[in-house]
Amino acid sequence: MDAVGFEPEKPPRQSLQRLVALALSLALVAVMLLGFDTFLTAVQNVAFGLMVDQSSLSYRLFMYPWWRKFQKQHLAQSAEMLVKLGNLGSVVEDPPANEKMLQVAAAAPAEVQAVCARALFEMAELSPERFANGVRAQVKDLQADPALKLYFEELGRRGGAAPQVERFLRKFATQGEPEERQLCRDLLARFPGKR
């Protein structure tokens, strides 16, 4: 109540609910027009930031076919940025977890080798760049290393399929420093049926 004794008129609850429903519907349409799902992956999330930074809403709406090409560039840039960020994260750890995992797997007794093999495989699939950095730092002989032997045994048990690692190795077998290219080619040569 105000000083005069009148209570200000409140909007009916139904109209407020309609406004909220309309706003959510418009947001959903906007998300669909932008080409993103409501649940973004990490790569899509970073690409969304690049999109907002490098293009306007009017460009995205009125120049849609050209913007789709731009969106693909954003996705590629964001994937590269996340790889670099992952590499920086492994530098900050002291000692890096990927290197410790390889050391533990190499020295594992027979009772826990299967667990170490699964852990190595999962680490490699989740972060192939950290796996490759760990191999580069810890493994002296790719053919005789016990940790890599465990990894490739687990790879064989899983049907020889490690899509993330294989994609990463194929990409960096042709670009980067000569030592890193050679490492990627050597690891690819050990994949079953990929000679």
Protein backbone atom coordinates (compact mmCIF):
# COMPACT_ATOMS: atom_id res chain seq x y z
CA MET A 1 0.00 0.00 0.00
CA ASP A 2 1.11 3.49 -0.70
CA ALA A 3 0.48 6.55 1.49
CA VAL A 4 -3.01 7.11 0.13
CA GLY A 5 -4.11 3.54 0.84
CA PHE A 6 -4.21 2.20 -2.69
CA GLU A 7 -2.37 -0.95 -3.61
CA PRO A 8 -0.59 -0.83 -6.99
CA GLU A 9 -2.10 -3.12 -9.56
CA LYS A 10 -0.10 -6.32 -10.13
CA PRO A 11 -0.01 -7.91 -13.55
CA PRO A 12 -2.01 -11.11 -13.70
CA ARG A 13 0.07 -14.22 -13.10
CA GLN A 14 -1.04 -15.75 -16.38
CA SER A 15 0.36 -12.91 -18.47
CA LEU A 16 3.71 -13.17 -16.67
CA GLN A 17 3.83 -16.89 -17.42
CA ARG A 18 3.04 -16.18 -21.06
CA LEU A 19 5.85 -13.63 -21.23
CA VAL A 20 8.31 -16.13 -19.77
CA ALA A 21 7.15 -18.83 -22.19
CA LEU A 22 7.51 -16.41 -25.11
CA ALA A 23 11.01 -15.37 -24.00
CA LEU A 24 12.12 -19.01 -23.67
CA SER A 25 10.65 -19.84 -27.09
CA LEU A 26 12.50 -16.94 -28.68
CA ALA A 27 15.71 -18.03 -26.97
CA LEU A 28 15.28 -21.55 -28.33
CA VAL A 29 14.68 -20.21 -31.84
CA ALA A 30 17.78 -18.02 -31.53
CA VAL A 31 19.91 -21.00 -30.42
CA MET A 32 18.61 -23.06 -33.33
CA LEU A 33 19.32 -20.23 -35.80
CA LEU A 34 22.85 -19.88 -34.48
CA GLY A 35 23.48 -23.55 -35.24
CA PHE A 36 24.21 -24.68 -31.70
CA ASP A 37 22.38 -27.15 -29.52
CA THR A 38 21.41 -26.14 -26.02
CA PHE A 39 24.08 -28.48 -24.61
CA LEU A 40 27.41 -27.33 -25.99
CA THR A 41 30.58 -29.37 -26.02
CA ALA A 42 33.76 -27.65 -24.87
CA VAL A 43 34.78 -26.99 -28.48
CA GLN A 44 31.34 -25.53 -29.33
CA ASN A 45 31.40 -23.41 -26.19
CA VAL A 46 34.72 -21.82 -27.14
CA ALA A 47 33.49 -21.42 -30.74
CA PHE A 48 30.42 -19.62 -29.39
CA GLY A 49 32.71 -17.10 -27.69
CA LEU A 50 34.62 -16.59 -30.94
CA MET A 51 31.33 -16.15 -32.80
CA VAL A 52 30.10 -13.49 -30.39
CA ASP A 53 33.46 -11.74 -30.53
CA GLN A 54 33.97 -11.82 -34.30
CA SER A 55 30.50 -11.48 -35.84
CA SER A 56 27.38 -9.47 -35.22
CA LEU A 57 23.83 -10.77 -34.84
CA SER A 58 22.77 -9.01 -38.03
CA TYR A 59 25.63 -10.67 -39.96
CA ARG A 60 24.63 -14.10 -38.61
CA LEU A 61 20.96 -13.57 -39.50
CA PHE A 62 21.18 -11.80 -42.86
CA MET A 63 24.37 -13.35 -44.22
CA TYR A 64 23.64 -16.87 -42.97
CA PRO A 65 25.25 -18.93 -45.82
CA TRP A 66 28.50 -16.97 -45.51
CA TRP A 67 28.40 -17.12 -41.76
CA ARG A 68 28.16 -20.95 -41.82
CA LYS A 69 31.64 -21.02 -43.42
CA PHE A 70 32.82 -18.64 -40.72
CA GLN A 71 31.31 -20.92 -38.06
CA LYS A 72 33.38 -23.89 -39.33
CA GLN A 73 36.51 -21.75 -38.97
CA HIS A 74 35.48 -20.93 -35.40
CA LEU A 75 35.09 -24.63 -34.58
CA ALA A 76 38.55 -25.40 -35.98
CA GLN A 77 40.10 -22.48 -34.10
CA SER A 78 38.42 -23.49 -30.85
CA ALA A 79 39.63 -27.09 -31.13
CA GLU A 80 43.18 -25.82 -31.63
CA MET A 81 42.85 -23.43 -28.68
CA LEU A 82 41.69 -26.26 -26.40
CA VAL A 83 44.65 -28.44 -27.43
CA LYS A 84 47.03 -25.61 -26.59
CA LEU A 85 45.27 -25.00 -23.29
CA GLY A 86 45.51 -28.70 -22.40
CA ASN A 87 49.23 -28.63 -23.15
CA LEU A 88 49.67 -25.59 -20.91
CA GLY A 89 47.77 -27.38 -18.14
CA SER A 90 50.14 -30.33 -18.29
CA VAL A 91 53.11 -27.96 -17.99
CA VAL A 92 51.70 -26.43 -14.80
CA GLU A 93 51.33 -29.81 -13.03
CA ASP A 94 54.45 -30.77 -11.16
CA PRO A 95 55.10 -33.56 -12.05
CA PRO A 96 52.65 -33.89 -14.96
CA ALA A 97 50.00 -36.53 -14.33
CA ASN A 98 50.42 -38.03 -17.80
CA GLU A 99 54.10 -38.74 -17.14
CA LYS A 100 53.34 -40.19 -13.71
CA MET A 101 50.69 -42.46 -15.26
CA LEU A 102 53.24 -43.81 -17.74
CA GLN A 103 55.79 -44.37 -14.96
CA VAL A 104 53.26 -46.23 -12.80
CA ALA A 105 52.11 -48.38 -15.73
CA ALA A 106 55.70 -49.25 -16.65
CA ALA A 107 56.47 -50.42 -13.11
CA ALA A 108 53.09 -52.05 -12.40
CA PRO A 109 53.06 -55.58 -11.00
CA ALA A 110 51.14 -58.21 -12.96
CA GLU A 111 48.09 -58.00 -10.64
CA VAL A 112 47.35 -54.38 -11.57
CA GLN A 113 48.57 -54.24 -15.17
CA ALA A 114 45.05 -54.62 -16.57
CA VAL A 115 43.85 -51.66 -14.51
CA CYS A 116 46.84 -49.57 -15.59
CA ALA A 117 46.23 -50.51 -19.23
CA ARG A 118 42.60 -49.35 -19.01
CA ALA A 119 43.65 -46.13 -17.28
CA LEU A 120 46.29 -45.41 -19.96
CA PHE A 121 43.78 -46.06 -22.72
CA GLU A 122 41.17 -43.78 -21.13
CA MET A 123 43.73 -41.03 -20.52
CA ALA A 124 44.87 -41.24 -24.14
CA GLU A 125 41.31 -41.05 -25.48
CA LEU A 126 40.36 -38.15 -23.20
CA SER A 127 43.48 -36.12 -23.94
CA PRO A 128 45.59 -37.45 -26.83
CA GLU A 129 47.92 -34.44 -26.72
CA ARG A 130 48.82 -35.10 -23.08
CA PHE A 131 49.33 -38.79 -23.83
CA ALA A 132 51.70 -37.92 -26.71
CA ASN A 133 53.56 -35.39 -24.53
CA GLY A 134 53.94 -38.01 -21.80
CA VAL A 135 55.25 -40.58 -24.27
CA ARG A 136 57.71 -38.04 -25.66
CA ALA A 137 58.98 -37.17 -22.18
CA GLN A 138 59.06 -40.63 -20.59
CA VAL A 139 59.50 -43.30 -23.25
CA LYS A 140 62.99 -43.91 -24.58
CA ASP A 141 62.30 -47.01 -26.73
CA LEU A 142 58.84 -47.18 -28.32
CA GLN A 143 59.14 -50.89 -29.08
CA ALA A 144 60.32 -52.10 -25.66
CA ASP A 145 58.52 -49.76 -23.26
CA PRO A 146 56.25 -51.71 -20.86
CA ALA A 147 53.71 -48.89 -20.52
CA LEU A 148 53.20 -48.66 -24.28
CA LYS A 149 53.00 -52.45 -24.43
CA LEU A 150 50.11 -52.29 -21.94
CA TYR A 151 48.45 -49.51 -23.94
CA PHE A 152 48.61 -51.44 -27.22
CA GLU A 153 47.38 -54.64 -25.54
CA GLU A 154 44.34 -52.72 -24.26
CA LEU A 155 43.90 -51.20 -27.71
CA GLY A 156 43.83 -54.72 -29.16
CA ARG A 157 41.27 -55.85 -26.57
CA ARG A 158 39.05 -52.96 -27.63
CA GLY A 159 39.16 -53.95 -31.28
CA GLY A 160 41.96 -51.59 -32.31
CA ALA A 161 39.71 -48.54 -32.11
CA ALA A 162 41.03 -45.36 -30.50
CA PRO A 163 39.52 -42.65 -32.69
CA GLN A 164 40.67 -39.60 -30.70
CA VAL A 165 44.29 -40.77 -30.44
CA GLU A 166 44.41 -41.90 -34.05
CA ARG A 167 42.96 -38.60 -35.32
CA PHE A 168 45.48 -36.67 -33.22
CA LEU A 169 48.44 -38.78 -34.40
CA ARG A 170 47.41 -38.55 -38.06
CA LYS A 171 47.11 -34.77 -37.81
CA PHE A 172 50.49 -34.26 -36.14
CA ALA A 173 52.30 -36.88 -38.24
CA THR A 174 52.29 -34.26 -41.01
CA GLN A 175 52.76 -31.00 -39.10
CA GLY A 176 54.85 -29.70 -36.22
CA GLU A 177 58.46 -30.28 -35.28
CA PRO A 178 60.34 -33.14 -37.03
CA GLU A 179 60.83 -35.04 -33.75
CA GLU A 180 57.11 -34.85 -32.94
CA ARG A 181 56.10 -35.85 -36.48
CA GLN A 182 58.36 -38.91 -36.24
CA LEU A 183 56.94 -39.86 -32.85
CA CYS A 184 53.38 -39.68 -34.22
CA ARG A 185 54.33 -41.79 -37.26
CA ASP A 186 56.04 -44.38 -35.05
CA LEU A 187 53.02 -44.63 -32.75
CA LEU A 188 50.64 -44.89 -35.72
CA ALA A 189 52.73 -47.74 -37.12
CA ARG A 190 52.00 -49.75 -33.98
CA PHE A 191 48.22 -49.43 -34.35
CA PRO A 192 46.70 -52.78 -35.39
CA GLY A 193 45.96 -52.92 -39.10
CA LYS A 194 47.12 -49.32 -39.72
CA ARG A 195 50.40 -49.98 -41.46
